[in-house]
Every structure is written in structure tokens, then in C-alpha cells.
């Protein structure tokens, strides 16, 4: 998983963003900006003991390469992806 410079904008570490992606509780496909890349916003905890969630933007190229382009504390836009018992 590669990280683009924009992924660091909100101060989320690579380790926390990766954990949120690998243990995500929800995701939504985003409108395509580039025809050869599928993009998703995923919501997950930065580590198992966390009581908060991150939203992490993930792109997948046609060649199967993954990259993270966005990571921050979950916003109201994606809060609906958190299971009810955790929200």
C-alpha cells in the first residue's frame, strides 16, 4: 500500500490508516476521477483499543496496486458506515 502526499494532511500515521483499512467496518465506492482507478472511502478504527474511527480513501489501479490518498477522523459524511452498536 502506497501513500500519496495528501494522505498525511490530517496527521494520521501510516500504521493507523492501514489498520483502519484492513479492519474496516464499512465502505462506499466513490465516483471515479480516473477511468482506470476504483476508489473507496473506508471506515475503521486506527487500532483495536480505539473508541473512535477514521475515514480512509483508498484507490486501486487496474494493475491491482493500492494506495491511500486520504485519512482523517471520520466525518458526518461517512459516519453512517459505523455499525449502530459503535456509533
C-alpha atoms as a PDB file:
ATOM      1  CA  UNK A   1       0.000   0.000   0.000  1.00  0.00           C
ATOM      2  CA  UNK A   2       1.431   3.343  -1.070  1.00  0.00           C
ATOM      3  CA  UNK A   3       0.556   6.700   0.445  1.00  0.00           C
ATOM      4  CA  UNK A   4       0.117   9.869  -1.573  1.00  0.00           C
ATOM      5  CA  UNK A   5       1.200  13.206  -0.049  1.00  0.00           C
ATOM      6  CA  UNK A   6      -2.449  14.172   0.565  1.00  0.00           C
ATOM      7  CA  UNK A   7      -2.869  11.169   2.908  1.00  0.00           C
ATOM      8  CA  UNK A   8      -0.706  12.928   5.512  1.00  0.00           C
ATOM      9  CA  UNK A   9      -2.676  16.206   5.523  1.00  0.00           C
ATOM     10  CA  UNK A  10      -4.582  15.450   8.749  1.00  0.00           C
ATOM     11  CA  UNK A  11      -1.725  13.916  10.743  1.00  0.00           C
ATOM     12  CA  UNK A  12      -2.881  10.274  10.663  1.00  0.00           C
ATOM     13  CA  UNK A  13       0.018   7.808  10.745  1.00  0.00           C
ATOM     14  CA  UNK A  14       0.505   5.176   8.050  1.00  0.00           C
ATOM     15  CA  UNK A  15       0.142   2.457  10.679  1.00  0.00           C
ATOM     16  CA  UNK A  16      -3.229   3.797  11.880  1.00  0.00           C
ATOM     17  CA  UNK A  17      -4.562   4.294   8.346  1.00  0.00           C
ATOM     18  CA  UNK A  18      -3.529   0.779   7.298  1.00  0.00           C
ATOM     19  CA  UNK A  19      -5.173  -0.738  10.365  1.00  0.00           C
ATOM     20  CA  UNK A  20      -8.403   1.131   9.629  1.00  0.00           C
ATOM     21  CA  UNK A  21      -8.405  -0.199   6.060  1.00  0.00           C
ATOM     22  CA  UNK A  22      -7.504  -3.787   6.923  1.00  0.00           C
ATOM     23  CA  UNK A  23     -10.142  -3.881   9.686  1.00  0.00           C
ATOM     24  CA  UNK A  24     -12.766  -1.636   8.130  1.00  0.00           C
ATOM     25  CA  UNK A  25     -16.382  -1.816   9.279  1.00  0.00           C
ATOM     26  CA  UNK A  26     -17.837  -0.186   6.180  1.00  0.00           C
ATOM     27  CA  UNK A  27     -17.015   1.249   2.794  1.00  0.00           C
ATOM     28  CA  UNK A  28     -18.573   3.106  -0.066  1.00  0.00           C
ATOM     29  CA  UNK A  29     -17.385   3.355  -3.662  1.00  0.00           C
ATOM     30  CA  UNK A  30     -16.562   6.890  -4.752  1.00  0.00           C
ATOM     31  CA  UNK A  31     -17.243   8.483  -8.105  1.00  0.00           C
ATOM     32  CA  UNK A  32     -14.352   7.795 -10.463  1.00  0.00           C
ATOM     33  CA  UNK A  33     -11.883  10.616 -11.006  1.00  0.00           C
ATOM     34  CA  UNK A  34      -9.753   8.497 -13.313  1.00  0.00           C
ATOM     35  CA  UNK A  35     -11.170   5.738 -15.525  1.00  0.00           C
ATOM     36  CA  UNK A  36      -8.524   3.166 -14.603  1.00  0.00           C
ATOM     37  CA  UNK A  37      -8.797   3.619 -10.803  1.00  0.00           C
ATOM     38  CA  UNK A  38     -11.553   2.424  -8.465  1.00  0.00           C
ATOM     39  CA  UNK A  39     -11.785   4.497  -5.283  1.00  0.00           C
ATOM     40  CA  UNK A  40     -13.414   3.747  -1.950  1.00  0.00           C
ATOM     41  CA  UNK A  41     -13.862   5.526   1.356  1.00  0.00           C
ATOM     42  CA  UNK A  42     -13.402   3.044   4.162  1.00  0.00           C
ATOM     43  CA  UNK A  43     -14.178   3.498   7.853  1.00  0.00           C
ATOM     44  CA  UNK A  44     -12.316   1.662  10.596  1.00  0.00           C
ATOM     45  CA  UNK A  45     -10.566   2.036  13.924  1.00  0.00           C
ATOM     46  CA  UNK A  46      -6.900   3.071  13.959  1.00  0.00           C
ATOM     47  CA  UNK A  47      -6.083   0.271  16.440  1.00  0.00           C
ATOM     48  CA  UNK A  48      -8.092  -2.431  18.258  1.00  0.00           C
ATOM     49  CA  UNK A  49      -8.498  -0.490  21.520  1.00  0.00           C
ATOM     50  CA  UNK A  50      -9.614   2.764  19.859  1.00  0.00           C
ATOM     51  CA  UNK A  51     -13.004   4.254  20.638  1.00  0.00           C
ATOM     52  CA  UNK A  52     -13.012   6.431  17.517  1.00  0.00           C
ATOM     53  CA  UNK A  53     -12.978   5.802  13.771  1.00  0.00           C
ATOM     54  CA  UNK A  54     -11.053   7.034  10.767  1.00  0.00           C
ATOM     55  CA  UNK A  55     -12.209   7.552   7.206  1.00  0.00           C
ATOM     56  CA  UNK A  56      -9.561   6.425   4.741  1.00  0.00           C
ATOM     57  CA  UNK A  57      -9.665   6.980   0.996  1.00  0.00           C
ATOM     58  CA  UNK A  58      -8.241   4.045  -0.932  1.00  0.00           C
ATOM     59  CA  UNK A  59      -7.623   3.753  -4.657  1.00  0.00           C
ATOM     60  CA  UNK A  60      -6.961   0.587  -6.640  1.00  0.00           C
ATOM     61  CA  UNK A  61      -5.320   0.787 -10.036  1.00  0.00           C
ATOM     62  CA  UNK A  62      -6.133  -1.504 -12.964  1.00  0.00           C
ATOM     63  CA  UNK A  63      -2.844  -3.281 -12.179  1.00  0.00           C
ATOM     64  CA  UNK A  64      -4.051  -4.085  -8.638  1.00  0.00           C
ATOM     65  CA  UNK A  65      -1.876  -1.539  -6.825  1.00  0.00           C
ATOM     66  CA  UNK A  66      -3.470   0.009  -3.729  1.00  0.00           C
ATOM     67  CA  UNK A  67      -2.772   3.483  -2.464  1.00  0.00           C
ATOM     68  CA  UNK A  68      -4.148   5.647   0.316  1.00  0.00           C
ATOM     69  CA  UNK A  69      -4.943   9.220  -0.665  1.00  0.00           C
ATOM     70  CA  UNK A  70      -6.956  10.459   2.354  1.00  0.00           C
ATOM     71  CA  UNK A  71      -7.001   9.739   6.102  1.00  0.00           C
ATOM     72  CA  UNK A  72      -8.709  11.637   8.909  1.00  0.00           C
ATOM     73  CA  UNK A  73     -11.103  11.295  11.844  1.00  0.00           C
ATOM     74  CA  UNK A  74     -14.462  10.147  10.499  1.00  0.00           C
ATOM     75  CA  UNK A  75     -16.762  12.985   9.469  1.00  0.00           C
ATOM     76  CA  UNK A  76     -20.551  13.134   9.352  1.00  0.00           C
ATOM     77  CA  UNK A  77     -20.382  12.295   5.653  1.00  0.00           C
ATOM     78  CA  UNK A  78     -19.227   8.713   6.396  1.00  0.00           C
ATOM     79  CA  UNK A  79     -20.404   8.212   9.990  1.00  0.00           C
ATOM     80  CA  UNK A  80     -23.340   6.141   8.675  1.00  0.00           C
ATOM     81  CA  UNK A  81     -20.844   3.372   7.838  1.00  0.00           C
ATOM     82  CA  UNK A  82     -20.163   2.750  11.544  1.00  0.00           C
ATOM     83  CA  UNK A  83     -22.251  -0.111  12.968  1.00  0.00           C
ATOM     84  CA  UNK A  84     -25.087   1.151  15.218  1.00  0.00           C
ATOM     85  CA  UNK A  85     -23.714  -0.510  18.347  1.00  0.00           C
ATOM     86  CA  UNK A  86     -20.495   1.538  17.991  1.00  0.00           C
ATOM     87  CA  UNK A  87     -21.908   4.909  16.940  1.00  0.00           C
END
